[in-house]
Amino acid sequence: PSEGSPTVMVDCALHAVEELMKEHPECLLYGQDVGAR
């Protein structure tokens, strides 16, 4: 996107999951230490 700025790789992945979870209620994430803390 023309308005975009360089983004670190970990944030690109994080935002991908966030966008998917917003759109798809059947999408979830679990594993060790991924929770709120």
Full PDB file with SEQRES, HELIX, SHEET, SSBOND, CRYST1, ORIGX, SCALE, CONECT and MASTER records, all heavy atoms in Angstrom:
SEQRES   1 A   37  PRO SER GLU GLY SER PRO THR VAL MET VAL ASP CYS ALA          
SEQRES   2 A   37  LEU HIS ALA VAL GLU GLU LEU MET LYS GLU HIS PRO GLU          
SEQRES   3 A   37  CYS LEU LEU TYR GLY GLN ASP VAL GLY ALA ARG                  
HELIX    1 AA1 MET A    9  GLU A   23  1                                  15    
CRYST1    1.000    1.000    1.000  90.00  90.00  90.00 P 1           1          
ORIGX1      1.000000  0.000000  0.000000        0.00000                         
ORIGX2      0.000000  1.000000  0.000000        0.00000                         
ORIGX3      0.000000  0.000000  1.000000        0.00000                         
SCALE1      1.000000  0.000000  0.000000        0.00000                         
SCALE2      0.000000  1.000000  0.000000        0.00000                         
SCALE3      0.000000  0.000000  1.000000        0.00000                         
ATOM      1  N   PRO A   1       0.831  -1.213   0.000  1.00  0.00           N  
ATOM      2  CA  PRO A   1       0.000   0.000   0.000  1.00  0.00           C  
ATOM      3  C   PRO A   1       0.865   1.263   0.000  1.00  0.00           C  
ATOM      4  O   PRO A   1       1.908   1.319   0.663  1.00  0.00           O  
ATOM      5  CB  PRO A   1      -0.789  -0.120   1.311  1.00  0.00           C  
ATOM      6  CG  PRO A   1      -0.763  -1.584   1.634  1.00  0.00           C  
ATOM      7  CD  PRO A   1       0.543  -2.085   1.133  1.00  0.00           C  
ATOM      8  N   SER A   2       0.433   2.242  -0.746  1.00  0.00           N  
ATOM      9  CA  SER A   2       1.240   3.460  -0.918  1.00  0.00           C  
ATOM     10  C   SER A   2       1.430   4.215   0.392  1.00  0.00           C  
ATOM     11  O   SER A   2       2.439   4.883   0.593  1.00  0.00           O  
ATOM     12  CB  SER A   2       0.575   4.378  -1.951  1.00  0.00           C  
ATOM     13  OG  SER A   2      -0.757   4.680  -1.554  1.00  0.00           O  
ATOM     14  N   GLU A   3       0.464   4.097   1.292  1.00  0.00           N  
ATOM     15  CA  GLU A   3       0.568   4.828   2.555  1.00  0.00           C  
ATOM     16  C   GLU A   3       1.320   4.027   3.624  1.00  0.00           C  
ATOM     17  O   GLU A   3       1.510   4.494   4.743  1.00  0.00           O  
ATOM     18  CB  GLU A   3      -0.831   5.192   3.081  1.00  0.00           C  
ATOM     19  CG  GLU A   3      -1.652   4.013   3.612  1.00  0.00           C  
ATOM     20  CD  GLU A   3      -2.336   3.204   2.516  1.00  0.00           C  
ATOM     21  OE1 GLU A   3      -2.067   3.474   1.309  1.00  0.00           O  
ATOM     22  OE2 GLU A   3      -3.130   2.306   2.856  1.00  0.00           O  
ATOM     23  N   GLY A   4       1.767   2.846   3.274  1.00  0.00           N  
ATOM     24  CA  GLY A   4       2.401   1.976   4.258  1.00  0.00           C  
ATOM     25  C   GLY A   4       3.819   2.393   4.583  1.00  0.00           C  
ATOM     26  O   GLY A   4       4.466   3.145   3.845  1.00  0.00           O  
ATOM     27  N   SER A   5       4.301   1.883   5.715  1.00  0.00           N  
ATOM     28  CA  SER A   5       5.682   2.116   6.129  1.00  0.00           C  
ATOM     29  C   SER A   5       6.304   0.780   6.486  1.00  0.00           C  
ATOM     30  O   SER A   5       5.594  -0.192   6.785  1.00  0.00           O  
ATOM     31  CB  SER A   5       5.726   3.064   7.331  1.00  0.00           C  
ATOM     32  OG  SER A   5       4.985   2.520   8.412  1.00  0.00           O  
ATOM     33  N   PRO A   6       7.638   0.695   6.469  1.00  0.00           N  
ATOM     34  CA  PRO A   6       8.287  -0.586   6.783  1.00  0.00           C  
ATOM     35  C   PRO A   6       7.864  -1.104   8.153  1.00  0.00           C  
ATOM     36  O   PRO A   6       7.838  -0.361   9.135  1.00  0.00           O  
ATOM     37  CB  PRO A   6       9.777  -0.224   6.749  1.00  0.00           C  
ATOM     38  CG  PRO A   6       9.859   0.936   5.815  1.00  0.00           C  
ATOM     39  CD  PRO A   6       8.608   1.722   6.058  1.00  0.00           C  
ATOM     40  N   THR A   7       7.517  -2.376   8.171  1.00  0.00           N  
ATOM     41  CA  THR A   7       6.998  -3.016   9.382  1.00  0.00           C  
ATOM     42  C   THR A   7       7.817  -4.262   9.667  1.00  0.00           C  
ATOM     43  O   THR A   7       8.156  -5.012   8.751  1.00  0.00           O  
ATOM     44  CB  THR A   7       5.517  -3.407   9.181  1.00  0.00           C  
ATOM     45  OG1 THR A   7       4.778  -2.240   8.822  1.00  0.00           O  
ATOM     46  CG2 THR A   7       4.931  -4.012  10.443  1.00  0.00           C  
ATOM     47  N   VAL A   8       8.100  -4.495  10.939  1.00  0.00           N  
ATOM     48  CA  VAL A   8       8.885  -5.681  11.270  1.00  0.00           C  
ATOM     49  C   VAL A   8       8.053  -6.929  11.018  1.00  0.00           C  
ATOM     50  O   VAL A   8       6.818  -6.919  11.059  1.00  0.00           O  
ATOM     51  CB  VAL A   8       9.377  -5.652  12.735  1.00  0.00           C  
ATOM     52  CG1 VAL A   8      10.391  -4.536  12.927  1.00  0.00           C  
ATOM     53  CG2 VAL A   8       8.222  -5.532  13.714  1.00  0.00           C  
ATOM     54  N   MET A   9       8.748  -8.009  10.786  1.00  0.00           N  
ATOM     55  CA  MET A   9       8.124  -9.254  10.364  1.00  0.00           C  
ATOM     56  C   MET A   9       7.133  -9.785  11.409  1.00  0.00           C  
ATOM     57  O   MET A   9       6.037 -10.254  11.072  1.00  0.00           O  
ATOM     58  CB  MET A   9       9.228 -10.281  10.109  1.00  0.00           C  
ATOM     59  CG  MET A   9       8.831 -11.458   9.272  1.00  0.00           C  
ATOM     60  SD  MET A   9      10.344 -12.310   8.728  1.00  0.00           S  
ATOM     61  CE  MET A   9       9.640 -13.838   8.111  1.00  0.00           C  
ATOM     62  N   VAL A  10       7.495  -9.679  12.680  1.00  0.00           N  
ATOM     63  CA  VAL A  10       6.627 -10.223  13.719  1.00  0.00           C  
ATOM     64  C   VAL A  10       5.296  -9.484  13.751  1.00  0.00           C  
ATOM     65  O   VAL A  10       4.239 -10.088  14.000  1.00  0.00           O  
ATOM     66  CB  VAL A  10       7.323 -10.198  15.092  1.00  0.00           C  
ATOM     67  CG1 VAL A  10       7.453  -8.781  15.642  1.00  0.00           C  
ATOM     68  CG2 VAL A  10       6.600 -11.095  16.084  1.00  0.00           C  
ATOM     69  N   ASP A  11       5.304  -8.182  13.463  1.00  0.00           N  
ATOM     70  CA  ASP A  11       4.050  -7.432  13.464  1.00  0.00           C  
ATOM     71  C   ASP A  11       3.194  -7.752  12.245  1.00  0.00           C  
ATOM     72  O   ASP A  11       1.961  -7.741  12.320  1.00  0.00           O  
ATOM     73  CB  ASP A  11       4.333  -5.935  13.525  1.00  0.00           C  
ATOM     74  CG  ASP A  11       4.730  -5.476  14.925  1.00  0.00           C  
ATOM     75  OD1 ASP A  11       4.572  -6.266  15.866  1.00  0.00           O  
ATOM     76  OD2 ASP A  11       5.203  -4.336  15.064  1.00  0.00           O  
ATOM     77  N   CYS A  12       3.830  -8.035  11.121  1.00  0.00           N  
ATOM     78  CA  CYS A  12       3.059  -8.455   9.945  1.00  0.00           C  
ATOM     79  C   CYS A  12       2.275  -9.730  10.240  1.00  0.00           C  
ATOM     80  O   CYS A  12       1.103  -9.866   9.852  1.00  0.00           O  
ATOM     81  CB  CYS A  12       3.993  -8.670   8.755  1.00  0.00           C  
ATOM     82  SG  CYS A  12       4.654  -7.153   8.035  1.00  0.00           S  
ATOM     83  N   ALA A  13       2.911 -10.665  10.929  1.00  0.00           N  
ATOM     84  CA  ALA A  13       2.236 -11.913  11.295  1.00  0.00           C  
ATOM     85  C   ALA A  13       1.137 -11.652  12.316  1.00  0.00           C  
ATOM     86  O   ALA A  13       0.018 -12.181  12.207  1.00  0.00           O  
ATOM     87  CB  ALA A  13       3.246 -12.906  11.841  1.00  0.00           C  
ATOM     88  N   LEU A  14       1.448 -10.844  13.327  1.00  0.00           N  
ATOM     89  CA  LEU A  14       0.467 -10.522  14.364  1.00  0.00           C  
ATOM     90  C   LEU A  14      -0.769  -9.873  13.761  1.00  0.00           C  
ATOM     91  O   LEU A  14      -1.909 -10.247  14.078  1.00  0.00           O  
ATOM     92  CB  LEU A  14       1.114  -9.580  15.383  1.00  0.00           C  
ATOM     93  CG  LEU A  14       0.195  -9.002  16.458  1.00  0.00           C  
ATOM     94  CD1 LEU A  14      -0.329 -10.095  17.375  1.00  0.00           C  
ATOM     95  CD2 LEU A  14       0.930  -7.934  17.270  1.00  0.00           C  
ATOM     96  N   HIS A  15      -0.557  -8.934  12.859  1.00  0.00           N  
ATOM     97  CA  HIS A  15      -1.698  -8.238  12.258  1.00  0.00           C  
ATOM     98  C   HIS A  15      -2.498  -9.162  11.346  1.00  0.00           C  
ATOM     99  O   HIS A  15      -3.725  -9.025  11.238  1.00  0.00           O  
ATOM    100  CB  HIS A  15      -1.207  -7.014  11.480  1.00  0.00           C  
ATOM    101  CG  HIS A  15      -0.511  -6.009  12.344  1.00  0.00           C  
ATOM    102  ND1 HIS A  15       0.391  -5.089  11.853  1.00  0.00           N  
ATOM    103  CD2 HIS A  15      -0.562  -5.796  13.694  1.00  0.00           C  
ATOM    104  CE1 HIS A  15       0.845  -4.345  12.843  1.00  0.00           C  
ATOM    105  NE2 HIS A  15       0.289  -4.762  13.970  1.00  0.00           N  
ATOM    106  N   ALA A  16      -1.817 -10.113  10.699  1.00  0.00           N  
ATOM    107  CA  ALA A  16      -2.536 -11.080   9.863  1.00  0.00           C  
ATOM    108  C   ALA A  16      -3.511 -11.890  10.709  1.00  0.00           C  
ATOM    109  O   ALA A  16      -4.684 -12.074  10.340  1.00  0.00           O  
ATOM    110  CB  ALA A  16      -1.549 -12.007   9.166  1.00  0.00           C  
ATOM    111  N   VAL A  17      -3.032 -12.379  11.852  1.00  0.00           N  
ATOM    112  CA  VAL A  17      -3.905 -13.170  12.728  1.00  0.00           C  
ATOM    113  C   VAL A  17      -5.036 -12.304  13.275  1.00  0.00           C  
ATOM    114  O   VAL A  17      -6.200 -12.729  13.333  1.00  0.00           O  
ATOM    115  CB  VAL A  17      -3.084 -13.806  13.870  1.00  0.00           C  
ATOM    116  CG1 VAL A  17      -3.997 -14.535  14.847  1.00  0.00           C  
ATOM    117  CG2 VAL A  17      -2.040 -14.768  13.308  1.00  0.00           C  
ATOM    118  N   GLU A  18      -4.708 -11.082  13.675  1.00  0.00           N  
ATOM    119  CA  GLU A  18      -5.736 -10.191  14.208  1.00  0.00           C  
ATOM    120  C   GLU A  18      -6.826  -9.919  13.168  1.00  0.00           C  
ATOM    121  O   GLU A  18      -8.024  -9.962  13.484  1.00  0.00           O  
ATOM    122  CB  GLU A  18      -5.099  -8.875  14.653  1.00  0.00           C  
ATOM    123  CG  GLU A  18      -6.089  -7.890  15.251  1.00  0.00           C  
ATOM    124  CD  GLU A  18      -5.430  -6.612  15.747  1.00  0.00           C  
ATOM    125  OE1 GLU A  18      -4.186  -6.580  15.848  1.00  0.00           O  
ATOM    126  OE2 GLU A  18      -6.167  -5.647  16.022  1.00  0.00           O  
ATOM    127  N   GLU A  19      -6.435  -9.648  11.942  1.00  0.00           N  
ATOM    128  CA  GLU A  19      -7.424  -9.395  10.889  1.00  0.00           C  
ATOM    129  C   GLU A  19      -8.294 -10.618  10.642  1.00  0.00           C  
ATOM    130  O   GLU A  19      -9.516 -10.505  10.440  1.00  0.00           O  
ATOM    131  CB  GLU A  19      -6.704  -8.986   9.606  1.00  0.00           C  
ATOM    132  CG  GLU A  19      -6.068  -7.602   9.677  1.00  0.00           C  
ATOM    133  CD  GLU A  19      -5.036  -7.341   8.586  1.00  0.00           C  
ATOM    134  OE1 GLU A  19      -4.843  -8.233   7.720  1.00  0.00           O  
ATOM    135  OE2 GLU A  19      -4.417  -6.266   8.596  1.00  0.00           O  
ATOM    136  N   LEU A  20      -7.695 -11.794  10.679  1.00  0.00           N  
ATOM    137  CA  LEU A  20      -8.463 -13.021  10.470  1.00  0.00           C  
ATOM    138  C   LEU A  20      -9.441 -13.257  11.614  1.00  0.00           C  
ATOM    139  O   LEU A  20     -10.588 -13.665  11.393  1.00  0.00           O  
ATOM    140  CB  LEU A  20      -7.513 -14.211  10.319  1.00  0.00           C  
ATOM    141  CG  LEU A  20      -6.745 -14.260   9.001  1.00  0.00           C  
ATOM    142  CD1 LEU A  20      -5.569 -15.226   9.090  1.00  0.00           C  
ATOM    143  CD2 LEU A  20      -7.665 -14.661   7.853  1.00  0.00           C  
ATOM    144  N   MET A  21      -9.007 -12.996  12.838  1.00  0.00           N  
ATOM    145  CA  MET A  21      -9.888 -13.220  13.980  1.00  0.00           C  
ATOM    146  C   MET A  21     -11.051 -12.232  13.979  1.00  0.00           C  
ATOM    147  O   MET A  21     -12.167 -12.579  14.399  1.00  0.00           O  
ATOM    148  CB  MET A  21      -9.094 -13.131  15.277  1.00  0.00           C  
ATOM    149  CG  MET A  21      -8.093 -14.274  15.444  1.00  0.00           C  
ATOM    150  SD  MET A  21      -7.276 -14.311  17.055  1.00  0.00           S  
ATOM    151  CE  MET A  21      -8.615 -14.947  18.071  1.00  0.00           C  
ATOM    152  N   LYS A  22     -10.816 -11.023  13.504  1.00  0.00           N  
ATOM    153  CA  LYS A  22     -11.914 -10.056  13.409  1.00  0.00           C  
ATOM    154  C   LYS A  22     -12.983 -10.528  12.427  1.00  0.00           C  
ATOM    155  O   LYS A  22     -14.180 -10.333  12.648  1.00  0.00           O  
ATOM    156  CB  LYS A  22     -11.367  -8.703  12.951  1.00  0.00           C  
ATOM    157  CG  LYS A  22     -10.663  -7.906  14.034  1.00  0.00           C  
ATOM    158  CD  LYS A  22     -10.153  -6.583  13.481  1.00  0.00           C  
ATOM    159  CE  LYS A  22      -9.444  -5.767  14.556  1.00  0.00           C  
ATOM    160  NZ  LYS A  22      -8.872  -4.502  14.014  1.00  0.00           N  
ATOM    161  N   GLU A  23     -12.543 -11.152  11.361  1.00  0.00           N  
ATOM    162  CA  GLU A  23     -13.460 -11.531  10.288  1.00  0.00           C  
ATOM    163  C   GLU A  23     -14.078 -12.907  10.484  1.00  0.00           C  
ATOM    164  O   GLU A  23     -15.198 -13.160  10.020  1.00  0.00           O  
ATOM    165  CB  GLU A  23     -12.700 -11.503   8.955  1.00  0.00           C  
ATOM    166  CG  GLU A  23     -13.576 -11.699   7.737  1.00  0.00           C  
ATOM    167  CD  GLU A  23     -12.804 -11.574   6.436  1.00  0.00           C  
ATOM    168  OE1 GLU A  23     -11.620 -11.171   6.470  1.00  0.00           O  
ATOM    169  OE2 GLU A  23     -13.383 -11.887   5.380  1.00  0.00           O  
ATOM    170  N   HIS A  24     -13.375 -13.786  11.196  1.00  0.00           N  
ATOM    171  CA  HIS A  24     -13.806 -15.188  11.276  1.00  0.00           C  
ATOM    172  C   HIS A  24     -13.919 -15.630  12.736  1.00  0.00           C  
ATOM    173  O   HIS A  24     -12.910 -15.909  13.385  1.00  0.00           O  
ATOM    174  CB  HIS A  24     -12.807 -16.084  10.540  1.00  0.00           C  
ATOM    175  CG  HIS A  24     -12.614 -15.739   9.097  1.00  0.00           C  
ATOM    176  ND1 HIS A  24     -13.513 -16.098   8.119  1.00  0.00           N  
ATOM    177  CD2 HIS A  24     -11.630 -15.052   8.460  1.00  0.00           C  
ATOM    178  CE1 HIS A  24     -13.093 -15.657   6.947  1.00  0.00           C  
ATOM    179  NE2 HIS A  24     -11.955 -15.019   7.129  1.00  0.00           N  
ATOM    180  N   PRO A  25     -15.134 -15.722  13.260  1.00  0.00           N  
ATOM    181  CA  PRO A  25     -15.292 -16.127  14.668  1.00  0.00           C  
ATOM    182  C   PRO A  25     -14.847 -17.554  14.947  1.00  0.00           C  
ATOM    183  O   PRO A  25     -14.614 -17.911  16.099  1.00  0.00           O  
ATOM    184  CB  PRO A  25     -16.800 -15.963  14.912  1.00  0.00           C  
ATOM    185  CG  PRO A  25     -17.425 -15.995  13.554  1.00  0.00           C  
ATOM    186  CD  PRO A  25     -16.418 -15.394  12.625  1.00  0.00           C  
ATOM    187  N   GLU A  26     -14.717 -18.363  13.898  1.00  0.00           N  
ATOM    188  CA  GLU A  26     -14.239 -19.740  14.100  1.00  0.00           C  
ATOM    189  C   GLU A  26     -12.721 -19.810  14.220  1.00  0.00           C  
ATOM    190  O   GLU A  26     -12.151 -20.885  14.455  1.00  0.00           O  
ATOM    191  CB  GLU A  26     -14.713 -20.635  12.953  1.00  0.00           C  
ATOM    192  CG  GLU A  26     -14.094 -20.353  11.595  1.00  0.00           C  
ATOM    193  CD  GLU A  26     -14.768 -19.251  10.813  1.00  0.00           C  
ATOM    194  OE1 GLU A  26     -15.598 -18.515  11.402  1.00  0.00           O  
ATOM    195  OE2 GLU A  26     -14.474 -19.102   9.612  1.00  0.00           O  
ATOM    196  N   CYS A  27     -12.043 -18.677  14.105  1.00  0.00           N  
ATOM    197  CA  CYS A  27     -10.581 -18.617  14.196  1.00  0.00           C  
ATOM    198  C   CYS A  27     -10.171 -18.391  15.644  1.00  0.00           C  
ATOM    199  O   CYS A  27     -10.706 -17.504  16.326  1.00  0.00           O  
ATOM    200  CB  CYS A  27     -10.063 -17.489  13.312  1.00  0.00           C  
ATOM    201  SG  CYS A  27      -8.277 -17.249  13.368  1.00  0.00           S  
ATOM    202  N   LEU A  28      -9.225 -19.172  16.137  1.00  0.00           N  
ATOM    203  CA  LEU A  28      -8.734 -19.035  17.504  1.00  0.00           C  
ATOM    204  C   LEU A  28      -7.243 -19.352  17.536  1.00  0.00           C  
ATOM    205  O   LEU A  28      -6.688 -19.885  16.569  1.00  0.00           O  
ATOM    206  CB  LEU A  28      -9.496 -19.946  18.465  1.00  0.00           C  
ATOM    207  CG  LEU A  28      -9.315 -21.470  18.343  1.00  0.00           C  
ATOM    208  CD1 LEU A  28      -9.674 -22.145  19.655  1.00  0.00           C  
ATOM    209  CD2 LEU A  28     -10.167 -22.053  17.216  1.00  0.00           C  
ATOM    210  N   LEU A  29      -6.618 -19.006  18.666  1.00  0.00           N  
ATOM    211  CA  LEU A  29      -5.178 -19.192  18.817  1.00  0.00           C  
ATOM    212  C   LEU A  29      -4.899 -19.742  20.203  1.00  0.00           C  
ATOM    213  O   LEU A  29      -5.409 -19.207  21.203  1.00  0.00           O  
ATOM    214  CB  LEU A  29      -4.451 -17.854  18.627  1.00  0.00           C  
ATOM    215  CG  LEU A  29      -2.959 -17.802  18.997  1.00  0.00           C  
ATOM    216  CD1 LEU A  29      -2.127 -18.641  18.043  1.00  0.00           C  
ATOM    217  CD2 LEU A  29      -2.455 -16.359  19.010  1.00  0.00           C  
ATOM    218  N   TYR A  30      -4.082 -20.801  20.270  1.00  0.00           N  
ATOM    219  CA  TYR A  30      -3.660 -21.288  21.582  1.00  0.00           C  
ATOM    220  C   TYR A  30      -2.291 -21.935  21.503  1.00  0.00           C  
ATOM    221  O   TYR A  30      -1.812 -22.310  20.437  1.00  0.00           O  
ATOM    222  CB  TYR A  30      -4.689 -22.240  22.187  1.00  0.00           C  
ATOM    223  CG  TYR A  30      -5.066 -23.471  21.388  1.00  0.00           C  
ATOM    224  CD1 TYR A  30      -4.446 -24.701  21.613  1.00  0.00           C  
ATOM    225  CD2 TYR A  30      -6.093 -23.423  20.440  1.00  0.00           C  
ATOM    226  CE1 TYR A  30      -4.815 -25.836  20.905  1.00  0.00           C  
ATOM    227  CE2 TYR A  30      -6.466 -24.556  19.733  1.00  0.00           C  
ATOM    228  CZ  TYR A  30      -5.828 -25.765  19.969  1.00  0.00           C  
ATOM    229  OH  TYR A  30      -6.199 -26.885  19.266  1.00  0.00           O  
ATOM    230  N   GLY A  31      -1.667 -22.025  22.657  1.00  0.00           N  
ATOM    231  CA  GLY A  31      -0.316 -22.567  22.774  1.00  0.00           C  
ATOM    232  C   GLY A  31       0.281 -22.121  24.094  1.00  0.00           C  
ATOM    233  O   GLY A  31      -0.396 -21.541  24.952  1.00  0.00           O  
ATOM    234  N   GLN A  32       1.571 -22.359  24.276  1.00  0.00           N  
ATOM    235  CA  GLN A  32       2.224 -21.999  25.530  1.00  0.00           C  
ATOM    236  C   GLN A  32       2.509 -20.499  25.570  1.00  0.00           C  
ATOM    237  O   GLN A  32       3.140 -19.958  24.665  1.00  0.00           O  
ATOM    238  CB  GLN A  32       3.528 -22.778  25.673  1.00  0.00           C  
ATOM    239  CG  GLN A  32       3.339 -24.284  25.795  1.00  0.00           C  
ATOM    240  CD  GLN A  32       4.641 -25.045  25.602  1.00  0.00           C  
ATOM    241  OE1 GLN A  32       5.706 -24.549  25.895  1.00  0.00           O  
ATOM    242  NE2 GLN A  32       4.534 -26.271  25.091  1.00  0.00           N  
ATOM    243  N   ASP A  33       2.015 -19.837  26.608  1.00  0.00           N  
ATOM    244  CA  ASP A  33       2.338 -18.430  26.894  1.00  0.00           C  
ATOM    245  C   ASP A  33       1.826 -17.442  25.850  1.00  0.00           C  
ATOM    246  O   ASP A  33       2.324 -16.313  25.775  1.00  0.00           O  
ATOM    247  CB  ASP A  33       3.854 -18.251  27.065  1.00  0.00           C  
ATOM    248  CG  ASP A  33       4.393 -19.027  28.257  1.00  0.00           C  
ATOM    249  OD1 ASP A  33       3.868 -18.847  29.372  1.00  0.00           O  
ATOM    250  OD2 ASP A  33       5.322 -19.837  28.074  1.00  0.00           O  
ATOM    251  N   VAL A  34       0.836 -17.827  25.054  1.00  0.00           N  
ATOM    252  CA  VAL A  34       0.300 -16.881  24.067  1.00  0.00           C  
ATOM    253  C   VAL A  34      -0.846 -16.052  24.647  1.00  0.00           C  
ATOM    254  O   VAL A  34      -1.353 -15.144  23.989  1.00  0.00           O  
ATOM    255  CB  VAL A  34      -0.188 -17.601  22.787  1.00  0.00           C  
ATOM    256  CG1 VAL A  34       0.939 -18.374  22.147  1.00  0.00           C  
ATOM    257  CG2 VAL A  34      -1.385 -18.509  23.075  1.00  0.00           C  
ATOM    258  N   GLY A  35      -1.253 -16.365  25.877  1.00  0.00           N  
ATOM    259  CA  GLY A  35      -2.395 -15.691  26.480  1.00  0.00           C  
ATOM    260  C   GLY A  35      -2.098 -14.266  26.900  1.00  0.00           C  
ATOM    261  O   GLY A  35      -1.045 -13.693  26.605  1.00  0.00           O  
ATOM    262  N   ALA A  36      -3.027 -13.706  27.659  1.00  0.00           N  
ATOM    263  CA  ALA A  36      -3.031 -12.270  27.918  1.00  0.00           C  
ATOM    264  C   ALA A  36      -1.802 -11.780  28.666  1.00  0.00           C  
ATOM    265  O   ALA A  36      -1.333 -10.668  28.430  1.00  0.00           O  
ATOM    266  CB  ALA A  36      -4.299 -11.900  28.689  1.00  0.00           C  
ATOM    267  N   ARG A  37      -1.259 -12.575  29.579  1.00  0.00           N  
ATOM    268  CA  ARG A  37      -0.156 -12.076  30.398  1.00  0.00           C  
ATOM    269  C   ARG A  37       1.086 -11.755  29.575  1.00  0.00           C  
ATOM    270  O   ARG A  37       1.792 -10.790  29.850  1.00  0.00           O  
ATOM    271  CB  ARG A  37       0.208 -13.102  31.471  1.00  0.00           C  
ATOM    272  CG  ARG A  37      -0.818 -13.248  32.574  1.00  0.00           C  
ATOM    273  CD  ARG A  37      -0.267 -14.068  33.730  1.00  0.00           C  
ATOM    274  NE  ARG A  37      -1.315 -14.386  34.683  1.00  0.00           N  
ATOM    275  CZ  ARG A  37      -2.075 -15.481  34.619  1.00  0.00           C  
ATOM    276  NH1 ARG A  37      -1.890 -16.353  33.643  1.00  0.00           N  
ATOM    277  NH2 ARG A  37      -3.013 -15.698  35.505  1.00  0.00           N  
TER     278      ARG A  37                                                      
MASTER        0    0    0    1    0    0    0    6  277    1    0    3          
END                                                                             
